[in-house]
């Protein structure tokens, strides 16, 4: 009985991992219930920019047969576009940029994050999605850029580094 209770508690906890209220699409990509989720993310400091992030969400049968109940793969893809007039607020101008979004992909350690970097020389906003694993690190990443060339935008305001 304790095992059943623990399993049900785990499924309830799992329902919070890898999910976001900004989900705009989802579809099954195989016969065992695995899905691709698509989220729309607005940059909190740059009006007029929307990034669409896709990631894998394991289904019940995949979790049951392979274990790892509390973890989704950290593969993700990103595409960012201008969706309105661009108005840049205070952003980090340093080489490491700043994190604008993060989402847990496991119960404890793994998450995916989106970081914005401003390339001043090329007048471009760069958005990088990457997996954050504190122990091993990860080389899984993707990026998208928005050129500010010939845009009527205010110059970026720098924050203290």
Protein backbone atom coordinates (compact mmCIF):
# COMPACT_ATOMS: atom_id res chain seq x y z
CA UNK A 1 0.00 0.00 0.00
CA UNK A 2 2.87 2.37 0.78
CA UNK A 3 4.34 1.76 -2.68
CA UNK A 4 1.06 2.72 -4.34
CA UNK A 5 0.83 5.87 -2.22
CA UNK A 6 4.43 6.77 -3.06
CA UNK A 7 3.76 6.19 -6.78
CA UNK A 8 0.65 8.41 -6.72
CA UNK A 9 2.50 11.12 -4.80
CA UNK A 10 5.32 10.95 -7.35
CA UNK A 11 2.92 11.32 -10.27
CA UNK A 12 1.35 14.38 -8.61
CA UNK A 13 4.78 15.95 -8.05
CA UNK A 14 5.78 15.09 -11.59
CA UNK A 15 2.82 16.93 -13.02
CA UNK A 16 4.55 20.20 -12.00
CA UNK A 17 7.85 19.47 -13.76
CA UNK A 18 8.36 20.72 -17.30
CA UNK A 19 4.97 22.43 -17.60
CA UNK A 20 4.18 26.09 -18.02
CA UNK A 21 1.09 28.24 -18.10
CA UNK A 22 2.32 29.90 -21.29
CA UNK A 23 1.86 26.73 -23.36
CA UNK A 24 0.51 27.44 -26.85
CA UNK A 25 0.76 23.99 -28.41
CA UNK A 26 1.32 20.32 -27.78
CA UNK A 27 1.20 17.17 -29.86
CA UNK A 28 1.99 13.48 -29.44
CA UNK A 29 5.01 12.30 -31.38
CA UNK A 30 4.78 8.54 -30.83
CA UNK A 31 2.42 5.74 -29.79
CA UNK A 32 3.34 5.72 -26.08
CA UNK A 33 2.16 9.22 -25.23
CA UNK A 34 5.35 11.29 -25.41
CA UNK A 35 4.64 14.86 -26.43
CA UNK A 36 6.30 17.94 -27.82
CA UNK A 37 5.24 21.06 -25.89
CA UNK A 38 5.46 24.58 -27.32
CA UNK A 39 5.52 27.66 -25.10
CA UNK A 40 5.40 31.38 -25.92
CA UNK A 41 7.77 33.42 -23.76
CA UNK A 42 7.76 37.20 -23.65
CA UNK A 43 11.02 38.87 -22.72
CA UNK A 44 10.29 40.72 -19.46
CA UNK A 45 12.68 43.59 -20.29
CA UNK A 46 12.28 43.86 -24.07
CA UNK A 47 8.78 44.67 -25.26
CA UNK A 48 7.93 43.40 -28.73
CA UNK A 49 9.95 40.17 -28.55
CA UNK A 50 8.38 36.72 -28.22
CA UNK A 51 10.36 33.49 -28.10
CA UNK A 52 8.79 30.12 -28.84
CA UNK A 53 10.37 27.25 -26.96
CA UNK A 54 9.71 23.59 -27.76
CA UNK A 55 10.67 20.71 -25.49
CA UNK A 56 9.97 17.01 -24.99
CA UNK A 57 7.51 15.78 -22.35
CA UNK A 58 7.65 12.09 -21.48
CA UNK A 59 4.37 10.21 -21.27
CA UNK A 60 3.22 7.78 -18.59
CA UNK A 61 4.19 4.60 -20.50
CA UNK A 62 7.67 5.90 -21.27
CA UNK A 63 8.18 6.70 -17.59
CA UNK A 64 6.78 3.32 -16.51
CA UNK A 65 9.01 1.30 -18.86
CA UNK A 66 12.24 3.30 -18.57
CA UNK A 67 12.11 4.55 -14.98
CA UNK A 68 13.34 8.06 -14.24
CA UNK A 69 9.84 9.08 -13.17
CA UNK A 70 10.82 12.58 -12.19
CA UNK A 71 12.81 13.70 -15.20
CA UNK A 72 12.17 14.88 -18.75
CA UNK A 73 14.89 15.08 -21.40
CA UNK A 74 16.54 18.48 -21.54
CA UNK A 75 16.41 18.84 -25.31
CA UNK A 76 14.89 22.17 -26.35
CA UNK A 77 14.67 24.45 -29.36
CA UNK A 78 14.01 28.18 -29.53
CA UNK A 79 12.89 30.73 -32.14
CA UNK A 80 12.54 34.42 -31.24
CA UNK A 81 10.83 37.04 -33.37
CA UNK A 82 9.76 40.64 -33.23
CA UNK A 83 6.03 40.59 -32.48
CA UNK A 84 5.49 44.30 -31.90
CA UNK A 85 7.37 47.57 -31.54
CA UNK A 86 10.65 46.84 -29.77
CA UNK A 87 11.22 48.80 -26.59
CA UNK A 88 14.34 47.79 -24.67
CA UNK A 89 14.33 48.38 -20.93
CA UNK A 90 17.24 47.90 -18.55
CA UNK A 91 19.15 44.84 -19.70
CA UNK A 92 22.47 43.33 -18.71
CA UNK A 93 25.09 44.41 -21.25
CA UNK A 94 27.77 41.99 -20.00
CA UNK A 95 29.11 39.10 -22.06
CA UNK A 96 27.21 36.60 -19.93
CA UNK A 97 23.89 38.42 -20.44
CA UNK A 98 21.03 37.50 -18.15
CA UNK A 99 18.56 34.69 -17.65
CA UNK A 100 15.06 35.59 -18.78
CA UNK A 101 13.31 32.24 -18.26
CA UNK A 102 13.90 28.98 -16.41
CA UNK A 103 11.85 25.81 -16.12
CA UNK A 104 12.47 22.68 -14.11
CA UNK A 105 12.80 19.45 -16.12
CA UNK A 106 13.32 17.14 -13.16
CA UNK A 107 12.16 17.09 -9.59
CA UNK A 108 15.45 18.39 -8.21
CA UNK A 109 18.47 19.13 -10.39
CA UNK A 110 17.82 19.62 -14.08
CA UNK A 111 16.26 22.66 -15.75
CA UNK A 112 16.24 24.45 -19.06
CA UNK A 113 16.91 28.16 -19.18
CA UNK A 114 16.84 30.99 -21.70
CA UNK A 115 19.55 33.65 -21.52
CA UNK A 116 19.54 36.96 -23.39
CA UNK A 117 22.84 38.44 -24.56
CA UNK A 118 23.15 41.80 -26.30
CA UNK A 119 25.70 41.88 -29.14
CA UNK A 120 26.44 45.63 -29.26
CA UNK A 121 28.83 45.44 -32.22
CA UNK A 122 26.17 43.84 -34.42
CA UNK A 123 23.18 45.51 -32.73
CA UNK A 124 21.55 42.14 -32.11
CA UNK A 125 19.68 40.43 -29.29
CA UNK A 126 20.73 36.79 -28.84
CA UNK A 127 18.57 34.25 -27.00
CA UNK A 128 20.19 30.95 -25.99
CA UNK A 129 18.23 28.01 -24.58
CA UNK A 130 20.37 25.53 -22.69
CA UNK A 131 20.15 22.69 -20.22
CA UNK A 132 21.40 23.37 -16.73
CA UNK A 133 22.69 20.34 -14.86
CA UNK A 134 24.74 21.30 -11.80
CA UNK A 135 26.75 18.09 -11.61
CA UNK A 136 27.62 17.17 -15.22
CA UNK A 137 26.78 20.26 -17.23
CA UNK A 138 25.27 19.81 -20.66
CA UNK A 139 26.13 20.68 -24.23
CA UNK A 140 22.48 20.77 -25.32
CA UNK A 141 21.65 24.27 -26.54
CA UNK A 142 20.07 26.28 -29.34
CA UNK A 143 20.00 29.97 -30.14
CA UNK A 144 17.94 32.57 -31.94
CA UNK A 145 18.76 36.18 -32.80
CA UNK A 146 16.83 39.37 -33.41
CA UNK A 147 18.64 42.01 -35.42
CA UNK A 148 17.94 45.56 -34.32
CA UNK A 149 19.34 46.91 -37.59
CA UNK A 150 17.21 49.72 -38.99
CA UNK A 151 14.80 49.36 -36.06
CA UNK A 152 13.33 52.38 -34.36
CA UNK A 153 14.26 51.26 -30.86
CA UNK A 154 15.61 53.07 -27.89
CA UNK A 155 19.25 52.23 -27.14
CA UNK A 156 19.59 49.51 -24.50
CA UNK A 157 20.04 50.71 -20.93
CA UNK A 158 22.83 48.94 -19.12
CA UNK A 159 22.44 47.45 -15.67
CA UNK A 160 25.33 47.21 -13.24
CA UNK A 161 27.33 44.03 -13.68
